[in-house]
Amino acid sequence: EKTSVPALIEELYTFLRQADARELGMMFRELDAARAAGDEVNEHRLLNAIDGYQTHVVPIIADIDAGFGNAEATYLLAKKMIEAGACALQIENQVSDEKQCGHQDGKVTVPHEDFLAKVRACRYAFLELGVEDGIIVTRTDSLGAGLTKQIAVSKEPGDLGDLYNSFLDCEEIDPATARNGDV
């Protein structure tokens, strides 16, 4: 569920930060004790350990599926994930309410323009929150999809709509003999 994943990310990061704080706190207490005792060997060892400390906090990639709606919904979800601590978002080009796992048949994709709007929404969320180097991982199910949400509007040969439509498995029709429902 889209509201529980950001909460889980936040909980994970809180736990990892607490583990760091606990471990570093113990090291600093030992350092204070070594200094108070005049133990330069332990003081030096502890300073090196503190300087070389490796955090428990790791980067989290949040998979936001197909964005759970339009570009605005994707933006709001992306913002929640980033606020919770995600440094990368993964999004795919399936229709949100028709979403299927990658190994299943029946996938339905959205036109490139719709998908790019969702990718831009993720980018705007990063920028608004001051994360200039946020990562967006995009995935396509175009080759495995049997359907597309809609045929893209093409204004001129070679534009994005024309490129998208070139992937569709269809037959060219003669406008003179076209029937209702022919594309």
N, C-alpha and C. Protein backbone atom coordinates (compact mmCIF):
# COMPACT_ATOMS: atom_id res chain seq x y z
N GLU A 1 0.85 -1.18 0.00
CA GLU A 1 0.00 0.00 0.00
C GLU A 1 0.89 1.23 0.00
N LYS A 2 0.49 2.24 -0.76
CA LYS A 2 1.38 3.38 -0.98
C LYS A 2 1.66 4.21 0.27
N THR A 3 0.82 4.15 1.29
CA THR A 3 1.09 4.92 2.50
C THR A 3 1.97 4.15 3.48
N SER A 4 2.01 2.82 3.37
CA SER A 4 2.80 2.05 4.33
C SER A 4 4.26 1.94 3.93
N VAL A 5 4.58 2.00 2.65
CA VAL A 5 5.97 1.87 2.21
C VAL A 5 6.82 3.05 2.70
N PRO A 6 6.37 4.31 2.55
CA PRO A 6 7.19 5.40 3.11
C PRO A 6 7.38 5.25 4.63
N ALA A 7 6.35 4.78 5.32
CA ALA A 7 6.48 4.58 6.76
C ALA A 7 7.52 3.50 7.07
N LEU A 8 7.55 2.46 6.25
CA LEU A 8 8.54 1.40 6.45
C LEU A 8 9.96 1.91 6.19
N ILE A 9 10.12 2.71 5.12
CA ILE A 9 11.43 3.29 4.82
C ILE A 9 11.88 4.17 6.00
N GLU A 10 10.98 5.00 6.49
CA GLU A 10 11.30 5.88 7.61
C GLU A 10 11.68 5.07 8.85
N GLU A 11 10.95 3.98 9.09
CA GLU A 11 11.24 3.12 10.25
C GLU A 11 12.62 2.46 10.10
N LEU A 12 12.94 1.99 8.90
CA LEU A 12 14.26 1.38 8.66
C LEU A 12 15.37 2.38 8.90
N TYR A 13 15.22 3.58 8.32
CA TYR A 13 16.25 4.60 8.50
C TYR A 13 16.39 5.03 9.95
N THR A 14 15.29 5.14 10.67
CA THR A 14 15.34 5.50 12.09
C THR A 14 16.12 4.44 12.86
N PHE A 15 15.82 3.17 12.59
CA PHE A 15 16.52 2.08 13.27
C PHE A 15 18.01 2.11 12.95
N LEU A 16 18.37 2.31 11.67
CA LEU A 16 19.78 2.32 11.28
C LEU A 16 20.52 3.51 11.89
N ARG A 17 19.88 4.68 11.93
CA ARG A 17 20.50 5.85 12.55
C ARG A 17 20.69 5.63 14.06
N GLN A 18 19.70 4.98 14.69
CA GLN A 18 19.82 4.69 16.12
C GLN A 18 20.97 3.72 16.38
N ALA A 19 21.14 2.74 15.49
CA ALA A 19 22.26 1.80 15.64
C ALA A 19 23.58 2.54 15.54
N ASP A 20 23.69 3.48 14.59
CA ASP A 20 24.90 4.30 14.47
C ASP A 20 25.13 5.13 15.73
N ALA A 21 24.09 5.78 16.20
CA ALA A 21 24.21 6.65 17.37
C ALA A 21 24.65 5.84 18.59
N ARG A 22 24.09 4.66 18.75
CA ARG A 22 24.44 3.80 19.90
C ARG A 22 25.90 3.38 19.81
N GLU A 23 26.31 2.89 18.65
CA GLU A 23 27.67 2.39 18.47
C GLU A 23 28.69 3.53 18.61
N LEU A 24 28.43 4.66 17.95
CA LEU A 24 29.35 5.80 18.05
C LEU A 24 29.38 6.36 19.47
N GLY A 25 28.23 6.39 20.12
CA GLY A 25 28.17 6.87 21.50
C GLY A 25 29.06 6.04 22.42
N MET A 26 29.03 4.73 22.23
CA MET A 26 29.88 3.84 23.04
C MET A 26 31.36 4.12 22.75
N MET A 27 31.69 4.35 21.48
CA MET A 27 33.08 4.63 21.12
C MET A 27 33.55 5.94 21.75
N PHE A 28 32.72 6.96 21.72
CA PHE A 28 33.10 8.25 22.31
C PHE A 28 33.23 8.15 23.84
N ARG A 29 32.39 7.34 24.48
CA ARG A 29 32.53 7.14 25.94
C ARG A 29 33.86 6.46 26.25
N GLU A 30 34.22 5.46 25.42
CA GLU A 30 35.52 4.80 25.61
C GLU A 30 36.67 5.78 25.37
N LEU A 31 36.52 6.65 24.36
CA LEU A 31 37.55 7.65 24.07
C LEU A 31 37.71 8.60 25.26
N ASP A 32 36.59 9.06 25.80
CA ASP A 32 36.65 9.94 26.98
C ASP A 32 37.35 9.25 28.14
N ALA A 33 37.06 7.97 28.34
CA ALA A 33 37.69 7.21 29.44
C ALA A 33 39.19 7.05 29.19
N ALA A 34 39.57 6.78 27.95
CA ALA A 34 41.00 6.63 27.62
C ALA A 34 41.73 7.95 27.84
N ARG A 35 41.13 9.05 27.45
CA ARG A 35 41.76 10.36 27.65
C ARG A 35 41.89 10.67 29.15
N ALA A 36 40.84 10.37 29.90
CA ALA A 36 40.87 10.63 31.35
C ALA A 36 41.94 9.79 32.03
N ALA A 37 42.19 8.59 31.51
CA ALA A 37 43.19 7.69 32.09
C ALA A 37 44.59 7.98 31.54
N GLY A 38 44.67 8.86 30.53
CA GLY A 38 45.97 9.15 29.93
C GLY A 38 46.47 8.02 29.05
N ASP A 39 45.58 7.16 28.59
CA ASP A 39 45.93 5.99 27.76
C ASP A 39 46.00 6.42 26.29
N GLU A 40 47.17 6.87 25.86
CA GLU A 40 47.34 7.39 24.50
C GLU A 40 47.18 6.30 23.44
N VAL A 41 47.56 5.07 23.74
CA VAL A 41 47.44 3.97 22.77
C VAL A 41 45.96 3.72 22.45
N ASN A 42 45.16 3.58 23.49
CA ASN A 42 43.72 3.37 23.27
C ASN A 42 43.06 4.61 22.67
N GLU A 43 43.50 5.79 23.09
CA GLU A 43 42.96 7.03 22.52
C GLU A 43 43.20 7.06 21.02
N HIS A 44 44.41 6.74 20.60
CA HIS A 44 44.76 6.73 19.16
C HIS A 44 43.94 5.67 18.41
N ARG A 45 43.83 4.48 19.01
CA ARG A 45 43.05 3.40 18.39
C ARG A 45 41.59 3.80 18.22
N LEU A 46 41.03 4.40 19.25
CA LEU A 46 39.62 4.81 19.20
C LEU A 46 39.39 5.95 18.22
N LEU A 47 40.32 6.91 18.14
CA LEU A 47 40.19 7.98 17.16
C LEU A 47 40.20 7.43 15.74
N ASN A 48 41.06 6.45 15.47
CA ASN A 48 41.10 5.81 14.15
C ASN A 48 39.80 5.05 13.88
N ALA A 49 39.29 4.37 14.90
CA ALA A 49 38.03 3.63 14.74
C ALA A 49 36.87 4.58 14.46
N ILE A 50 36.84 5.71 15.15
CA ILE A 50 35.77 6.69 14.94
C ILE A 50 35.90 7.31 13.55
N ASP A 51 37.12 7.67 13.16
CA ASP A 51 37.33 8.26 11.82
C ASP A 51 36.98 7.28 10.71
N GLY A 52 37.22 5.99 10.93
CA GLY A 52 36.95 4.99 9.90
C GLY A 52 35.60 4.30 10.05
N TYR A 53 34.77 4.85 10.91
CA TYR A 53 33.47 4.22 11.19
C TYR A 53 32.63 4.12 9.93
N GLN A 54 32.08 2.94 9.70
CA GLN A 54 31.18 2.75 8.55
C GLN A 54 29.75 2.69 9.06
N THR A 55 28.94 3.57 8.52
CA THR A 55 27.56 3.69 8.96
C THR A 55 26.73 2.46 8.62
N HIS A 56 25.70 2.24 9.39
CA HIS A 56 24.72 1.20 9.09
C HIS A 56 23.72 1.68 8.04
N VAL A 57 23.62 3.00 7.86
CA VAL A 57 22.64 3.57 6.94
C VAL A 57 23.08 3.27 5.51
N VAL A 58 22.19 2.65 4.77
CA VAL A 58 22.47 2.27 3.38
C VAL A 58 21.46 2.94 2.46
N PRO A 59 21.83 3.14 1.20
CA PRO A 59 20.88 3.74 0.26
C PRO A 59 19.68 2.82 0.03
N ILE A 60 18.52 3.40 -0.03
CA ILE A 60 17.30 2.62 -0.30
C ILE A 60 16.71 3.06 -1.63
N ILE A 61 16.43 2.07 -2.48
CA ILE A 61 15.73 2.30 -3.73
C ILE A 61 14.27 1.92 -3.49
N ALA A 62 13.38 2.87 -3.66
CA ALA A 62 11.95 2.62 -3.45
C ALA A 62 11.30 2.31 -4.80
N ASP A 63 10.69 1.14 -4.91
CA ASP A 63 9.99 0.75 -6.12
C ASP A 63 8.57 1.30 -6.03
N ILE A 64 8.25 2.28 -6.88
CA ILE A 64 6.92 2.88 -6.81
C ILE A 64 6.01 2.35 -7.92
N ASP A 65 6.33 1.14 -8.40
CA ASP A 65 5.54 0.47 -9.43
C ASP A 65 5.30 1.41 -10.61
N ALA A 66 4.03 1.69 -10.91
CA ALA A 66 3.71 2.55 -12.05
C ALA A 66 3.29 3.95 -11.59
N GLY A 67 3.57 4.27 -10.33
CA GLY A 67 3.29 5.61 -9.83
C GLY A 67 1.95 5.77 -9.15
N PHE A 68 1.12 4.74 -9.17
CA PHE A 68 -0.19 4.76 -8.51
C PHE A 68 -1.08 5.90 -8.97
N GLY A 69 -1.17 6.10 -10.27
CA GLY A 69 -2.06 7.12 -10.80
C GLY A 69 -1.39 7.97 -11.85
N ASN A 70 -1.87 9.18 -11.99
CA ASN A 70 -1.33 10.10 -13.00
C ASN A 70 -0.02 10.73 -12.50
N ALA A 71 0.49 11.70 -13.25
CA ALA A 71 1.77 12.33 -12.90
C ALA A 71 1.69 13.02 -11.54
N GLU A 72 0.56 13.63 -11.22
CA GLU A 72 0.43 14.31 -9.92
C GLU A 72 0.48 13.31 -8.77
N ALA A 73 -0.23 12.19 -8.92
CA ALA A 73 -0.19 11.15 -7.88
C ALA A 73 1.22 10.59 -7.74
N THR A 74 1.90 10.43 -8.86
CA THR A 74 3.28 9.94 -8.84
C THR A 74 4.17 10.92 -8.09
N TYR A 75 3.99 12.20 -8.34
CA TYR A 75 4.77 13.25 -7.67
C TYR A 75 4.56 13.17 -6.16
N LEU A 76 3.31 13.06 -5.73
CA LEU A 76 3.01 13.03 -4.30
C LEU A 76 3.61 11.79 -3.63
N LEU A 77 3.53 10.63 -4.32
CA LEU A 77 4.11 9.41 -3.79
C LEU A 77 5.64 9.52 -3.74
N ALA A 78 6.24 10.02 -4.82
CA ALA A 78 7.69 10.18 -4.87
C ALA A 78 8.17 11.07 -3.73
N LYS A 79 7.45 12.15 -3.49
CA LYS A 79 7.81 13.09 -2.42
C LYS A 79 7.79 12.40 -1.06
N LYS A 80 6.76 11.58 -0.81
CA LYS A 80 6.68 10.85 0.46
C LYS A 80 7.86 9.88 0.61
N MET A 81 8.20 9.21 -0.48
CA MET A 81 9.31 8.25 -0.43
C MET A 81 10.64 8.96 -0.15
N ILE A 82 10.85 10.08 -0.81
CA ILE A 82 12.10 10.83 -0.63
C ILE A 82 12.17 11.41 0.78
N GLU A 83 11.06 11.96 1.26
CA GLU A 83 11.02 12.48 2.63
C GLU A 83 11.33 11.39 3.65
N ALA A 84 10.92 10.16 3.34
CA ALA A 84 11.17 9.05 4.25
C ALA A 84 12.62 8.60 4.21
N GLY A 85 13.35 8.95 3.14
CA GLY A 85 14.77 8.61 3.08
C GLY A 85 15.22 7.90 1.82
N ALA A 86 14.32 7.62 0.89
CA ALA A 86 14.73 6.94 -0.34
C ALA A 86 15.61 7.87 -1.16
N CYS A 87 16.72 7.34 -1.64
CA CYS A 87 17.63 8.14 -2.48
C CYS A 87 17.43 7.82 -3.95
N ALA A 88 16.66 6.77 -4.24
CA ALA A 88 16.40 6.38 -5.62
C ALA A 88 14.97 5.86 -5.71
N LEU A 89 14.35 6.11 -6.86
CA LEU A 89 13.00 5.64 -7.12
C LEU A 89 13.01 4.80 -8.38
N GLN A 90 12.28 3.70 -8.36
CA GLN A 90 12.13 2.88 -9.56
C GLN A 90 10.68 2.96 -10.01
N ILE A 91 10.48 3.23 -11.29
CA ILE A 91 9.14 3.36 -11.83
C ILE A 91 9.07 2.64 -13.17
N GLU A 92 7.91 2.11 -13.49
CA GLU A 92 7.74 1.39 -14.75
C GLU A 92 6.59 1.98 -15.55
N ASN A 93 6.49 1.58 -16.81
CA ASN A 93 5.54 2.22 -17.72
C ASN A 93 4.22 1.46 -17.90
N GLN A 94 3.84 0.69 -16.92
CA GLN A 94 2.53 0.04 -17.00
C GLN A 94 1.43 1.00 -16.55
N VAL A 95 0.21 0.68 -16.92
CA VAL A 95 -0.96 1.41 -16.43
C VAL A 95 -1.12 1.05 -14.95
N SER A 96 -1.28 2.05 -14.10
CA SER A 96 -1.31 1.81 -12.65
C SER A 96 -2.37 0.82 -12.22
N ASP A 97 -3.60 0.98 -12.69
CA ASP A 97 -4.67 0.11 -12.21
C ASP A 97 -4.73 -1.23 -12.93
N GLU A 98 -3.87 -1.45 -13.91
CA GLU A 98 -3.81 -2.72 -14.63
C GLU A 98 -2.49 -3.43 -14.35
N LYS A 99 -1.74 -2.96 -13.36
CA LYS A 99 -0.38 -3.43 -13.10
C LYS A 99 -0.30 -4.95 -12.93
N GLN A 100 0.68 -5.55 -13.60
CA GLN A 100 0.97 -6.97 -13.49
C GLN A 100 2.44 -7.14 -13.14
N CYS A 101 2.78 -8.21 -12.44
CA CYS A 101 4.19 -8.52 -12.18
C CYS A 101 4.89 -8.76 -13.51
N GLY A 102 6.19 -8.51 -13.54
CA GLY A 102 6.96 -8.61 -14.77
C GLY A 102 6.89 -9.95 -15.46
N HIS A 103 6.71 -11.03 -14.70
CA HIS A 103 6.69 -12.37 -15.30
C HIS A 103 5.29 -12.79 -15.75
N GLN A 104 4.27 -11.98 -15.49
CA GLN A 104 2.90 -12.35 -15.84
C GLN A 104 2.48 -11.75 -17.17
N ASP A 105 1.55 -12.43 -17.82
CA ASP A 105 0.96 -11.91 -19.05
C ASP A 105 -0.10 -10.88 -18.70
N GLY A 106 -0.54 -10.14 -19.72
CA GLY A 106 -1.64 -9.19 -19.53
C GLY A 106 -1.19 -7.79 -19.15
N LYS A 107 0.06 -7.48 -19.39
CA LYS A 107 0.54 -6.14 -19.05
C LYS A 107 0.00 -5.12 -20.06
N VAL A 108 -0.35 -3.94 -19.55
CA VAL A 108 -0.84 -2.84 -20.36
C VAL A 108 0.07 -1.64 -20.10
N THR A 109 0.60 -1.04 -21.15
CA THR A 109 1.52 0.09 -20.97
C THR A 109 0.84 1.41 -21.31
N VAL A 110 1.50 2.48 -20.89
CA VAL A 110 1.02 3.83 -21.18
C VAL A 110 1.87 4.42 -22.30
N PRO A 111 1.36 5.41 -23.02
CA PRO A 111 2.18 6.08 -24.05
C PRO A 111 3.41 6.73 -23.42
N HIS A 112 4.44 6.90 -24.24
CA HIS A 112 5.69 7.48 -23.77
C HIS A 112 5.47 8.83 -23.07
N GLU A 113 4.61 9.68 -23.63
CA GLU A 113 4.39 11.00 -23.02
C GLU A 113 3.90 10.88 -21.59
N ASP A 114 2.99 9.93 -21.34
CA ASP A 114 2.46 9.73 -19.98
C ASP A 114 3.57 9.25 -19.05
N PHE A 115 4.38 8.33 -19.55
CA PHE A 115 5.46 7.80 -18.72
C PHE A 115 6.50 8.88 -18.43
N LEU A 116 6.85 9.64 -19.45
CA LEU A 116 7.83 10.72 -19.24
C LEU A 116 7.32 11.76 -18.25
N ALA A 117 6.01 12.01 -18.26
CA ALA A 117 5.43 12.95 -17.30
C ALA A 117 5.62 12.43 -15.87
N LYS A 118 5.50 11.11 -15.68
CA LYS A 118 5.70 10.53 -14.35
C LYS A 118 7.18 10.58 -13.96
N VAL A 119 8.06 10.36 -14.91
CA VAL A 119 9.50 10.44 -14.62
C VAL A 119 9.85 11.88 -14.23
N ARG A 120 9.31 12.85 -14.97
CA ARG A 120 9.55 14.26 -14.63
C ARG A 120 8.97 14.58 -13.26
N ALA A 121 7.83 14.00 -12.91
CA ALA A 121 7.22 14.23 -11.60
C ALA A 121 8.16 13.74 -10.49
N CYS A 122 8.81 12.62 -10.71
CA CYS A 122 9.79 12.11 -9.73
C CYS A 122 10.95 13.09 -9.60
N ARG A 123 11.43 13.57 -10.74
CA ARG A 123 12.55 14.51 -10.73
C ARG A 123 12.18 15.80 -9.99
N TYR A 124 10.97 16.31 -10.25
CA TYR A 124 10.51 17.53 -9.57
C TYR A 124 10.45 17.31 -8.06
N ALA A 125 10.01 16.12 -7.64
CA ALA A 125 9.94 15.83 -6.20
C ALA A 125 11.34 15.88 -5.59
N PHE A 126 12.32 15.26 -6.26
CA PHE A 126 13.70 15.33 -5.77
C PHE A 126 14.16 16.78 -5.65
N LEU A 127 13.95 17.55 -6.73
CA LEU A 127 14.43 18.93 -6.76
C LEU A 127 13.74 19.79 -5.69
N GLU A 128 12.44 19.61 -5.53
CA GLU A 128 11.71 20.40 -4.54
C GLU A 128 12.23 20.14 -3.13
N LEU A 129 12.67 18.90 -2.90
CA LEU A 129 13.16 18.55 -1.57
C LEU A 129 14.66 18.79 -1.43
N GLY A 130 15.26 19.40 -2.45
CA GLY A 130 16.68 19.75 -2.38
C GLY A 130 17.63 18.61 -2.62
N VAL A 131 17.16 17.55 -3.26
CA VAL A 131 18.02 16.39 -3.56
C VAL A 131 18.39 16.47 -5.04
N GLU A 132 19.55 17.04 -5.30
CA GLU A 132 19.96 17.27 -6.69
C GLU A 132 20.48 16.02 -7.38
N ASP A 133 20.93 15.03 -6.60
CA ASP A 133 21.51 13.84 -7.20
C ASP A 133 20.66 12.59 -6.96
N GLY A 134 19.34 12.77 -6.79
CA GLY A 134 18.45 11.64 -6.65
C GLY A 134 18.45 10.80 -7.92
N ILE A 135 18.26 9.52 -7.78
CA ILE A 135 18.33 8.59 -8.91
C ILE A 135 16.93 8.10 -9.26
N ILE A 136 16.63 8.08 -10.55
CA ILE A 136 15.36 7.52 -11.02
C ILE A 136 15.70 6.35 -11.94
N VAL A 137 15.24 5.17 -11.55
CA VAL A 137 15.43 3.96 -12.35
C VAL A 137 14.14 3.72 -13.10
N THR A 138 14.21 3.73 -14.43
CA THR A 138 13.00 3.51 -15.22
C THR A 138 13.05 2.12 -15.84
N ARG A 139 11.88 1.49 -15.89
CA ARG A 139 11.79 0.15 -16.44
C ARG A 139 10.63 0.10 -17.41
N THR A 140 10.82 -0.60 -18.49
CA THR A 140 9.73 -0.72 -19.45
C THR A 140 9.25 -2.15 -19.56
N ASP A 141 7.96 -2.28 -19.72
CA ASP A 141 7.34 -3.58 -19.99
C ASP A 141 6.80 -3.60 -21.42
N SER A 142 7.29 -2.69 -22.26
CA SER A 142 6.75 -2.55 -23.62
C SER A 142 6.86 -3.82 -24.44
N LEU A 143 7.99 -4.52 -24.34
CA LEU A 143 8.14 -5.73 -25.16
C LEU A 143 7.25 -6.86 -24.68
N GLY A 144 6.95 -6.91 -23.38
CA GLY A 144 6.12 -7.98 -22.85
C GLY A 144 4.65 -7.63 -22.74
N ALA A 145 4.29 -6.42 -23.12
CA ALA A 145 2.89 -5.99 -22.98
C ALA A 145 2.07 -6.43 -24.19
N GLY A 146 0.87 -6.83 -23.94
CA GLY A 146 -0.03 -7.20 -25.02
C GLY A 146 -0.90 -6.05 -25.47
N LEU A 147 -1.05 -5.04 -24.61
CA LEU A 147 -1.94 -3.92 -24.89
C LEU A 147 -1.28 -2.60 -24.51
N THR A 148 -1.77 -1.53 -25.09
CA THR A 148 -1.38 -0.20 -24.67
C THR A 148 -2.65 0.54 -24.25
N LYS A 149 -2.51 1.41 -23.29
CA LYS A 149 -3.66 2.15 -22.75
C LYS A 149 -4.36 2.93 -23.85
N GLN A 150 -3.58 3.54 -24.70
CA GLN A 150 -4.16 4.32 -25.80
C GLN A 150 -3.10 4.49 -26.87
N ILE A 151 -3.55 4.73 -28.05
CA ILE A 151 -2.61 4.99 -29.13
C ILE A 151 -2.16 6.43 -29.00
N ALA A 152 -0.86 6.63 -29.06
CA ALA A 152 -0.30 7.96 -28.87
C ALA A 152 -0.68 8.89 -30.02
N VAL A 153 -0.85 10.14 -29.71
CA VAL A 153 -1.14 11.15 -30.73
C VAL A 153 0.18 11.54 -31.39
N SER A 154 0.20 11.47 -32.70
CA SER A 154 1.39 11.83 -33.46
C SER A 154 1.07 13.07 -34.28
N LYS A 155 1.91 14.08 -34.14
CA LYS A 155 1.69 15.32 -34.87
C LYS A 155 2.52 15.40 -36.14
N GLU A 156 3.64 14.66 -36.16
CA GLU A 156 4.48 14.63 -37.36
C GLU A 156 5.31 13.35 -37.36
N PRO A 157 5.69 12.86 -38.52
CA PRO A 157 6.48 11.63 -38.59
C PRO A 157 7.78 11.76 -37.78
N GLY A 158 8.08 10.72 -36.99
CA GLY A 158 9.31 10.70 -36.21
C GLY A 158 9.18 11.29 -34.82
N ASP A 159 8.03 11.90 -34.49
CA ASP A 159 7.89 12.45 -33.13
C ASP A 159 7.67 11.29 -32.13
N LEU A 160 7.57 11.63 -30.85
CA LEU A 160 7.48 10.61 -29.83
C LEU A 160 6.26 9.72 -30.00
N GLY A 161 5.12 10.31 -30.36
CA GLY A 161 3.91 9.52 -30.60
C GLY A 161 4.10 8.53 -31.74
N ASP A 162 4.73 8.98 -32.82
CA ASP A 162 4.98 8.12 -33.97
C ASP A 162 5.93 6.97 -33.59
N LEU A 163 6.96 7.29 -32.81
CA LEU A 163 7.90 6.25 -32.37
C LEU A 163 7.19 5.22 -31.50
N TYR A 164 6.36 5.70 -30.58
CA TYR A 164 5.61 4.79 -29.70
C TYR A 164 4.72 3.87 -30.52
N ASN A 165 3.99 4.46 -31.46
CA ASN A 165 3.05 3.67 -32.26
C ASN A 165 3.77 2.67 -33.16
N SER A 166 5.04 2.92 -33.48
CA SER A 166 5.76 1.99 -34.35
C SER A 166 5.99 0.64 -33.66
N PHE A 167 5.87 0.60 -32.33
CA PHE A 167 6.03 -0.66 -31.60
C PHE A 167 4.74 -1.48 -31.57
N LEU A 168 3.63 -0.89 -31.97
CA LEU A 168 2.36 -1.60 -31.91
C LEU A 168 2.29 -2.64 -33.02
N ASP A 169 1.74 -3.79 -32.69
CA ASP A 169 1.58 -4.87 -33.66
C ASP A 169 0.19 -4.72 -34.28
N CYS A 170 0.15 -4.07 -35.43
CA CYS A 170 -1.14 -3.81 -36.07
C CYS A 170 -0.96 -3.79 -37.60
N GLU A 171 -2.08 -3.76 -38.27
CA GLU A 171 -2.05 -3.72 -39.73
C GLU A 171 -2.50 -2.35 -40.20
N GLU A 172 -1.86 -1.85 -41.26
CA GLU A 172 -2.24 -0.57 -41.83
C GLU A 172 -3.58 -0.73 -42.54
N ILE A 173 -4.44 0.28 -42.39
CA ILE A 173 -5.74 0.23 -43.05
C ILE A 173 -5.84 1.36 -44.07
N ASP A 174 -6.73 1.17 -45.01
CA ASP A 174 -6.99 2.18 -46.03
C ASP A 174 -8.13 3.06 -45.52
N PRO A 175 -7.91 4.37 -45.39
CA PRO A 175 -8.97 5.24 -44.88
C PRO A 175 -10.28 5.12 -45.66
N ALA A 176 -10.20 4.76 -46.93
CA ALA A 176 -11.41 4.65 -47.75
C ALA A 176 -12.27 3.47 -47.32
N THR A 177 -11.65 2.43 -46.78
CA THR A 177 -12.41 1.24 -46.36
C THR A 177 -12.47 1.09 -44.86
N ALA A 178 -12.05 2.11 -44.12
CA ALA A 178 -12.03 2.02 -42.65
C ALA A 178 -13.43 1.89 -42.10
N ARG A 179 -13.53 1.05 -41.07
CA ARG A 179 -14.80 0.86 -40.37
C ARG A 179 -14.69 1.41 -38.96
N ASN A 180 -15.80 1.57 -38.29
CA ASN A 180 -15.81 2.04 -36.91
C ASN A 180 -14.95 1.10 -36.06
N GLY A 181 -14.02 1.66 -35.29
CA GLY A 181 -13.16 0.85 -34.41
C GLY A 181 -11.83 0.52 -35.04
N ASP A 182 -11.68 0.70 -36.36
CA ASP A 182 -10.38 0.46 -36.99
C ASP A 182 -9.41 1.55 -36.57
N VAL A 183 -8.16 1.16 -36.41
CA VAL A 183 -7.11 2.12 -36.05
C VAL A 183 -6.02 2.03 -37.10
